[in-house]
Amino acid sequence: MSGVLGRRVLPTMLPSFAVAATMIAVDGFLGSAAYGIAAIFPGIAITAAQSIELVRAQHVRGVSPVSMALGFLNLTLWFGWAVLVRDPGTIIALSISWVIALFNVIWYALRRLGLRPFFLRVPELALALQEF
C-alpha cells in the first residue's frame, strides 16, 4: 500500500503498531474480558460498514456470496472455539460481530430475492426514480 501511495513504509505501519500495542497492553494488564470489550469496536466497524452498504446500495450484485458465507462460517467457528475453551474475551468480541454478520447474510439473501434498498443516497435515488 505504501508503494502505491508513494508513502514511506514505517509511517504507514505506525498506526497498526500502535493499535496492536494497545490491544496487547489491555489484554496483559486488564484481562481477557477487557480485551474483548476493546476488540468489539473494530469488529463492529468492519461488519456494520458492510451492513450499511447492503441496506443502502441500489444493487448487491458486487457482493460475493461465497466470501460472505465463509466470513460468517469463520466467525461461527471462532465463537464455537471460544465457548468450548471458555475464553471471555473472544466470546465478548465475537458475539456482537457474529450477530451483525448474521444480519448481513440474511439481508443479502433478502436483497437478492428482491427486497428494495432503503435510505438511498440522493444521486442513486434520482437514478432509481428515473427507472419508474
N, C-alpha and C. Protein backbone atom coordinates (compact mmCIF):
# COMPACT_ATOMS: atom_id res chain seq x y z
N MET A 1 0.82 -1.18 0.00
CA MET A 1 0.00 0.00 0.00
C MET A 1 0.87 1.26 0.00
N SER A 2 1.94 1.24 0.77
CA SER A 2 2.77 2.44 0.83
C SER A 2 3.44 2.74 -0.50
N GLY A 3 3.83 1.69 -1.24
CA GLY A 3 4.45 1.89 -2.54
C GLY A 3 3.50 2.50 -3.54
N VAL A 4 2.27 2.05 -3.54
CA VAL A 4 1.26 2.56 -4.47
C VAL A 4 0.93 4.02 -4.16
N LEU A 5 0.86 4.34 -2.87
CA LEU A 5 0.51 5.70 -2.47
C LEU A 5 1.72 6.63 -2.40
N GLY A 6 2.91 6.09 -2.60
CA GLY A 6 4.12 6.90 -2.54
C GLY A 6 4.48 7.34 -1.13
N ARG A 7 4.15 6.53 -0.15
CA ARG A 7 4.46 6.86 1.25
C ARG A 7 5.55 5.94 1.77
N ARG A 8 6.23 6.39 2.81
CA ARG A 8 7.25 5.55 3.43
C ARG A 8 6.57 4.44 4.24
N VAL A 9 7.25 3.31 4.35
CA VAL A 9 6.66 2.13 4.97
C VAL A 9 6.40 2.33 6.46
N LEU A 10 7.38 2.82 7.20
CA LEU A 10 7.22 2.93 8.65
C LEU A 10 6.06 3.85 9.07
N PRO A 11 5.94 5.07 8.53
CA PRO A 11 4.79 5.89 8.91
C PRO A 11 3.45 5.26 8.52
N THR A 12 3.44 4.47 7.45
CA THR A 12 2.21 3.80 7.04
C THR A 12 1.82 2.73 8.04
N MET A 13 2.81 2.03 8.59
CA MET A 13 2.54 0.92 9.51
C MET A 13 2.39 1.37 10.96
N LEU A 14 2.82 2.58 11.29
CA LEU A 14 2.80 3.05 12.67
C LEU A 14 1.43 2.97 13.35
N PRO A 15 0.33 3.37 12.71
CA PRO A 15 -0.97 3.24 13.39
C PRO A 15 -1.31 1.78 13.74
N SER A 16 -0.96 0.85 12.87
CA SER A 16 -1.21 -0.56 13.16
C SER A 16 -0.40 -1.03 14.35
N PHE A 17 0.84 -0.60 14.43
CA PHE A 17 1.68 -0.97 15.58
C PHE A 17 1.10 -0.39 16.88
N ALA A 18 0.61 0.84 16.81
CA ALA A 18 0.04 1.48 18.00
C ALA A 18 -1.21 0.74 18.47
N VAL A 19 -2.08 0.37 17.55
CA VAL A 19 -3.29 -0.37 17.92
C VAL A 19 -2.92 -1.73 18.49
N ALA A 20 -1.98 -2.42 17.87
CA ALA A 20 -1.55 -3.74 18.36
C ALA A 20 -0.96 -3.63 19.77
N ALA A 21 -0.12 -2.63 20.00
CA ALA A 21 0.47 -2.45 21.33
C ALA A 21 -0.60 -2.15 22.37
N THR A 22 -1.58 -1.34 22.00
CA THR A 22 -2.67 -1.02 22.92
C THR A 22 -3.48 -2.26 23.25
N MET A 23 -3.79 -3.08 22.25
CA MET A 23 -4.57 -4.29 22.48
C MET A 23 -3.80 -5.29 23.36
N ILE A 24 -2.52 -5.41 23.12
CA ILE A 24 -1.70 -6.31 23.95
C ILE A 24 -1.66 -5.80 25.38
N ALA A 25 -1.53 -4.50 25.56
CA ALA A 25 -1.49 -3.92 26.90
C ALA A 25 -2.83 -4.13 27.62
N VAL A 26 -3.92 -3.93 26.92
CA VAL A 26 -5.24 -4.14 27.53
C VAL A 26 -5.38 -5.59 27.98
N ASP A 27 -5.00 -6.51 27.13
CA ASP A 27 -5.11 -7.94 27.48
C ASP A 27 -4.18 -8.28 28.64
N GLY A 28 -2.97 -7.77 28.60
CA GLY A 28 -1.99 -8.10 29.64
C GLY A 28 -2.31 -7.50 30.99
N PHE A 29 -2.75 -6.26 31.01
CA PHE A 29 -2.97 -5.56 32.29
C PHE A 29 -4.40 -5.64 32.82
N LEU A 30 -5.37 -5.71 31.91
CA LEU A 30 -6.77 -5.67 32.34
C LEU A 30 -7.50 -7.00 32.20
N GLY A 31 -6.94 -7.93 31.44
CA GLY A 31 -7.53 -9.25 31.32
C GLY A 31 -8.30 -9.48 30.04
N SER A 32 -8.73 -10.72 29.88
CA SER A 32 -9.36 -11.17 28.65
C SER A 32 -10.70 -10.47 28.40
N ALA A 33 -11.51 -10.28 29.42
CA ALA A 33 -12.82 -9.64 29.23
C ALA A 33 -12.65 -8.19 28.77
N ALA A 34 -11.70 -7.48 29.35
CA ALA A 34 -11.44 -6.10 28.92
C ALA A 34 -10.95 -6.07 27.48
N TYR A 35 -10.13 -7.05 27.11
CA TYR A 35 -9.68 -7.16 25.73
C TYR A 35 -10.87 -7.37 24.80
N GLY A 36 -11.79 -8.24 25.21
CA GLY A 36 -12.97 -8.50 24.40
C GLY A 36 -13.79 -7.24 24.19
N ILE A 37 -13.95 -6.47 25.24
CA ILE A 37 -14.71 -5.22 25.13
C ILE A 37 -14.01 -4.25 24.18
N ALA A 38 -12.68 -4.15 24.30
CA ALA A 38 -11.93 -3.26 23.41
C ALA A 38 -11.96 -3.75 21.96
N ALA A 39 -11.98 -5.08 21.78
CA ALA A 39 -11.95 -5.63 20.43
C ALA A 39 -13.32 -5.58 19.74
N ILE A 40 -14.36 -5.27 20.48
CA ILE A 40 -15.69 -5.16 19.87
C ILE A 40 -15.71 -4.06 18.81
N PHE A 41 -15.05 -2.96 19.08
CA PHE A 41 -15.16 -1.79 18.22
C PHE A 41 -14.63 -2.02 16.80
N PRO A 42 -13.44 -2.61 16.61
CA PRO A 42 -13.02 -2.89 15.22
C PRO A 42 -13.96 -3.88 14.53
N GLY A 43 -14.43 -4.87 15.26
CA GLY A 43 -15.35 -5.84 14.67
C GLY A 43 -16.65 -5.20 14.22
N ILE A 44 -17.17 -4.31 15.04
CA ILE A 44 -18.40 -3.60 14.68
C ILE A 44 -18.15 -2.70 13.48
N ALA A 45 -17.02 -2.02 13.46
CA ALA A 45 -16.73 -1.11 12.35
C ALA A 45 -16.70 -1.86 11.02
N ILE A 46 -16.11 -3.03 11.01
CA ILE A 46 -16.00 -3.80 9.77
C ILE A 46 -17.36 -4.32 9.33
N THR A 47 -18.08 -4.98 10.22
CA THR A 47 -19.33 -5.61 9.82
C THR A 47 -20.46 -4.59 9.65
N ALA A 48 -20.47 -3.54 10.43
CA ALA A 48 -21.52 -2.52 10.30
C ALA A 48 -21.36 -1.73 8.99
N ALA A 49 -20.14 -1.51 8.56
CA ALA A 49 -19.94 -0.81 7.29
C ALA A 49 -20.53 -1.63 6.15
N GLN A 50 -20.37 -2.94 6.21
CA GLN A 50 -20.96 -3.79 5.18
C GLN A 50 -22.49 -3.75 5.29
N SER A 51 -23.01 -3.74 6.51
CA SER A 51 -24.46 -3.67 6.71
C SER A 51 -25.05 -2.43 6.06
N ILE A 52 -24.41 -1.31 6.29
CA ILE A 52 -24.91 -0.05 5.74
C ILE A 52 -24.97 -0.11 4.22
N GLU A 53 -23.93 -0.65 3.61
CA GLU A 53 -23.91 -0.75 2.15
C GLU A 53 -24.96 -1.74 1.64
N LEU A 54 -25.15 -2.85 2.35
CA LEU A 54 -26.17 -3.81 1.93
C LEU A 54 -27.57 -3.21 2.00
N VAL A 55 -27.81 -2.35 2.97
CA VAL A 55 -29.12 -1.72 3.12
C VAL A 55 -29.31 -0.60 2.10
N ARG A 56 -28.28 0.21 1.86
CA ARG A 56 -28.43 1.41 1.06
C ARG A 56 -28.13 1.26 -0.43
N ALA A 57 -27.31 0.29 -0.79
CA ALA A 57 -26.87 0.19 -2.19
C ALA A 57 -28.04 -0.10 -3.12
N GLN A 58 -27.95 0.47 -4.32
CA GLN A 58 -29.01 0.27 -5.29
C GLN A 58 -29.11 -1.20 -5.69
N HIS A 59 -28.00 -1.91 -5.73
CA HIS A 59 -27.99 -3.36 -6.01
C HIS A 59 -26.85 -3.99 -5.22
N VAL A 60 -26.90 -5.30 -5.06
CA VAL A 60 -25.87 -6.03 -4.31
C VAL A 60 -25.17 -7.05 -5.20
N ARG A 61 -25.16 -6.80 -6.50
CA ARG A 61 -24.54 -7.74 -7.43
C ARG A 61 -23.05 -7.90 -7.22
N GLY A 62 -22.37 -6.91 -6.68
CA GLY A 62 -20.93 -6.98 -6.49
C GLY A 62 -20.50 -7.70 -5.22
N VAL A 63 -21.45 -8.10 -4.40
CA VAL A 63 -21.12 -8.79 -3.16
C VAL A 63 -20.90 -10.27 -3.45
N SER A 64 -19.82 -10.82 -2.94
CA SER A 64 -19.52 -12.23 -3.14
C SER A 64 -20.24 -13.07 -2.08
N PRO A 65 -21.20 -13.89 -2.50
CA PRO A 65 -21.88 -14.74 -1.52
C PRO A 65 -20.95 -15.76 -0.89
N VAL A 66 -19.97 -16.24 -1.64
CA VAL A 66 -19.02 -17.21 -1.09
C VAL A 66 -18.17 -16.55 -0.01
N SER A 67 -17.67 -15.36 -0.28
CA SER A 67 -16.87 -14.65 0.72
C SER A 67 -17.68 -14.34 1.96
N MET A 68 -18.93 -13.91 1.77
CA MET A 68 -19.78 -13.59 2.91
C MET A 68 -20.06 -14.85 3.74
N ALA A 69 -20.36 -15.95 3.07
CA ALA A 69 -20.64 -17.21 3.77
C ALA A 69 -19.41 -17.72 4.51
N LEU A 70 -18.25 -17.64 3.87
CA LEU A 70 -17.01 -18.09 4.53
C LEU A 70 -16.64 -17.19 5.71
N GLY A 71 -16.86 -15.91 5.57
CA GLY A 71 -16.61 -14.99 6.69
C GLY A 71 -17.52 -15.30 7.87
N PHE A 72 -18.78 -15.57 7.58
CA PHE A 72 -19.73 -15.91 8.65
C PHE A 72 -19.35 -17.26 9.27
N LEU A 73 -18.95 -18.21 8.46
CA LEU A 73 -18.51 -19.51 8.98
C LEU A 73 -17.28 -19.33 9.87
N ASN A 74 -16.35 -18.48 9.46
CA ASN A 74 -15.15 -18.22 10.26
C ASN A 74 -15.53 -17.66 11.63
N LEU A 75 -16.41 -16.67 11.65
CA LEU A 75 -16.86 -16.11 12.93
C LEU A 75 -17.55 -17.16 13.79
N THR A 76 -18.36 -18.01 13.15
CA THR A 76 -19.07 -19.06 13.88
C THR A 76 -18.10 -20.05 14.50
N LEU A 77 -17.10 -20.46 13.74
CA LEU A 77 -16.11 -21.41 14.26
C LEU A 77 -15.30 -20.80 15.41
N TRP A 78 -14.88 -19.55 15.25
CA TRP A 78 -14.14 -18.90 16.34
C TRP A 78 -15.01 -18.77 17.59
N PHE A 79 -16.28 -18.44 17.40
CA PHE A 79 -17.20 -18.31 18.53
C PHE A 79 -17.38 -19.66 19.22
N GLY A 80 -17.53 -20.71 18.43
CA GLY A 80 -17.65 -22.06 19.00
C GLY A 80 -16.42 -22.45 19.79
N TRP A 81 -15.25 -22.13 19.24
CA TRP A 81 -14.00 -22.42 19.96
C TRP A 81 -13.95 -21.65 21.27
N ALA A 82 -14.33 -20.38 21.24
CA ALA A 82 -14.28 -19.55 22.45
C ALA A 82 -15.21 -20.08 23.53
N VAL A 83 -16.36 -20.57 23.12
CA VAL A 83 -17.29 -21.15 24.09
C VAL A 83 -16.71 -22.43 24.69
N LEU A 84 -16.12 -23.26 23.83
CA LEU A 84 -15.55 -24.53 24.31
C LEU A 84 -14.41 -24.33 25.30
N VAL A 85 -13.55 -23.34 25.05
CA VAL A 85 -12.42 -23.11 25.96
C VAL A 85 -12.73 -22.05 27.02
N ARG A 86 -13.94 -21.52 26.97
CA ARG A 86 -14.40 -20.52 27.94
C ARG A 86 -13.48 -19.30 28.00
N ASP A 87 -13.25 -18.72 26.83
CA ASP A 87 -12.42 -17.52 26.75
C ASP A 87 -13.34 -16.30 26.67
N PRO A 88 -13.49 -15.56 27.78
CA PRO A 88 -14.46 -14.45 27.79
C PRO A 88 -14.14 -13.35 26.79
N GLY A 89 -12.88 -13.07 26.57
CA GLY A 89 -12.52 -12.00 25.64
C GLY A 89 -12.98 -12.29 24.23
N THR A 90 -12.77 -13.51 23.77
CA THR A 90 -13.18 -13.88 22.42
C THR A 90 -14.70 -13.95 22.32
N ILE A 91 -15.35 -14.46 23.35
CA ILE A 91 -16.82 -14.53 23.35
C ILE A 91 -17.41 -13.13 23.26
N ILE A 92 -16.90 -12.22 24.06
CA ILE A 92 -17.40 -10.84 24.05
C ILE A 92 -17.14 -10.18 22.70
N ALA A 93 -15.92 -10.33 22.19
CA ALA A 93 -15.56 -9.67 20.93
C ALA A 93 -16.36 -10.20 19.75
N LEU A 94 -16.62 -11.50 19.74
CA LEU A 94 -17.29 -12.10 18.59
C LEU A 94 -18.80 -12.04 18.66
N SER A 95 -19.36 -11.93 19.84
CA SER A 95 -20.82 -12.01 19.96
C SER A 95 -21.53 -10.95 19.13
N ILE A 96 -21.13 -9.73 19.25
CA ILE A 96 -21.79 -8.65 18.50
C ILE A 96 -21.45 -8.73 17.02
N SER A 97 -20.19 -9.01 16.70
CA SER A 97 -19.81 -9.15 15.29
C SER A 97 -20.56 -10.29 14.62
N TRP A 98 -20.78 -11.39 15.35
CA TRP A 98 -21.50 -12.53 14.80
C TRP A 98 -22.94 -12.16 14.49
N VAL A 99 -23.58 -11.44 15.40
CA VAL A 99 -24.98 -11.03 15.18
C VAL A 99 -25.09 -10.10 13.97
N ILE A 100 -24.16 -9.17 13.85
CA ILE A 100 -24.19 -8.25 12.71
C ILE A 100 -23.91 -9.02 11.41
N ALA A 101 -22.97 -9.97 11.45
CA ALA A 101 -22.68 -10.78 10.27
C ALA A 101 -23.89 -11.63 9.88
N LEU A 102 -24.62 -12.15 10.86
CA LEU A 102 -25.84 -12.90 10.58
C LEU A 102 -26.87 -11.99 9.90
N PHE A 103 -27.02 -10.78 10.40
CA PHE A 103 -27.90 -9.80 9.75
C PHE A 103 -27.47 -9.59 8.30
N ASN A 104 -26.16 -9.45 8.06
CA ASN A 104 -25.66 -9.22 6.70
C ASN A 104 -26.02 -10.37 5.77
N VAL A 105 -25.84 -11.61 6.25
CA VAL A 105 -26.16 -12.78 5.41
C VAL A 105 -27.66 -12.80 5.09
N ILE A 106 -28.48 -12.59 6.10
CA ILE A 106 -29.93 -12.60 5.88
C ILE A 106 -30.35 -11.45 4.97
N TRP A 107 -29.81 -10.25 5.21
CA TRP A 107 -30.19 -9.09 4.41
C TRP A 107 -29.74 -9.25 2.96
N TYR A 108 -28.54 -9.81 2.77
CA TYR A 108 -28.05 -10.06 1.42
C TYR A 108 -29.01 -11.01 0.68
N ALA A 109 -29.42 -12.09 1.36
CA ALA A 109 -30.34 -13.05 0.75
C ALA A 109 -31.66 -12.37 0.40
N LEU A 110 -32.16 -11.54 1.30
CA LEU A 110 -33.41 -10.82 1.02
C LEU A 110 -33.27 -9.86 -0.16
N ARG A 111 -32.14 -9.17 -0.23
CA ARG A 111 -31.90 -8.26 -1.36
C ARG A 111 -31.84 -9.02 -2.68
N ARG A 112 -31.19 -10.19 -2.67
CA ARG A 112 -31.11 -11.00 -3.89
C ARG A 112 -32.48 -11.54 -4.29
N LEU A 113 -33.36 -11.69 -3.29
CA LEU A 113 -34.73 -12.15 -3.57
C LEU A 113 -35.67 -11.02 -3.97
N GLY A 114 -35.17 -9.77 -3.98
CA GLY A 114 -35.97 -8.67 -4.48
C GLY A 114 -36.28 -7.55 -3.51
N LEU A 115 -35.81 -7.63 -2.28
CA LEU A 115 -36.03 -6.54 -1.34
C LEU A 115 -35.40 -5.27 -1.87
N ARG A 116 -36.13 -4.17 -1.79
CA ARG A 116 -35.62 -2.90 -2.31
C ARG A 116 -34.62 -2.29 -1.33
N PRO A 117 -33.76 -1.39 -1.81
CA PRO A 117 -32.84 -0.70 -0.91
C PRO A 117 -33.58 0.34 -0.07
N PHE A 118 -33.03 0.64 1.07
CA PHE A 118 -33.58 1.67 1.95
C PHE A 118 -32.55 2.78 2.11
N PHE A 119 -33.01 3.99 2.31
CA PHE A 119 -32.16 5.16 2.57
C PHE A 119 -31.13 5.37 1.46
N LEU A 120 -31.61 5.34 0.20
CA LEU A 120 -30.71 5.57 -0.93
C LEU A 120 -30.06 6.95 -0.83
N ARG A 121 -28.84 7.04 -1.30
CA ARG A 121 -28.18 8.34 -1.40
C ARG A 121 -28.89 9.15 -2.48
N VAL A 122 -28.80 10.45 -2.44
CA VAL A 122 -29.56 11.32 -3.35
C VAL A 122 -29.27 11.01 -4.82
N PRO A 123 -28.01 10.88 -5.30
CA PRO A 123 -27.80 10.57 -6.72
C PRO A 123 -28.40 9.21 -7.10
N GLU A 124 -28.28 8.22 -6.23
CA GLU A 124 -28.85 6.90 -6.52
C GLU A 124 -30.37 6.95 -6.51
N LEU A 125 -30.93 7.76 -5.64
CA LEU A 125 -32.38 7.91 -5.57
C LEU A 125 -32.91 8.51 -6.87
N ALA A 126 -32.21 9.50 -7.38
CA ALA A 126 -32.63 10.13 -8.64
C ALA A 126 -32.59 9.11 -9.78
N LEU A 127 -31.56 8.28 -9.83
CA LEU A 127 -31.49 7.25 -10.86
C LEU A 127 -32.60 6.21 -10.69
N ALA A 128 -32.88 5.84 -9.46
CA ALA A 128 -33.93 4.86 -9.21
C ALA A 128 -35.30 5.40 -9.62
N LEU A 129 -35.54 6.68 -9.37
CA LEU A 129 -36.83 7.28 -9.73
C LEU A 129 -36.98 7.38 -11.25
N GLN A 130 -35.87 7.55 -11.97
CA GLN A 130 -35.93 7.61 -13.43
C GLN A 130 -36.30 6.29 -14.03
N GLU A 131 -36.01 5.18 -13.34
CA GLU A 131 -36.33 3.87 -13.86
C GLU A 131 -37.83 3.60 -13.84
N PHE A 132 -38.58 4.30 -13.00
CA PHE A 132 -40.03 4.09 -12.93
C PHE A 132 -40.67 4.76 -14.05
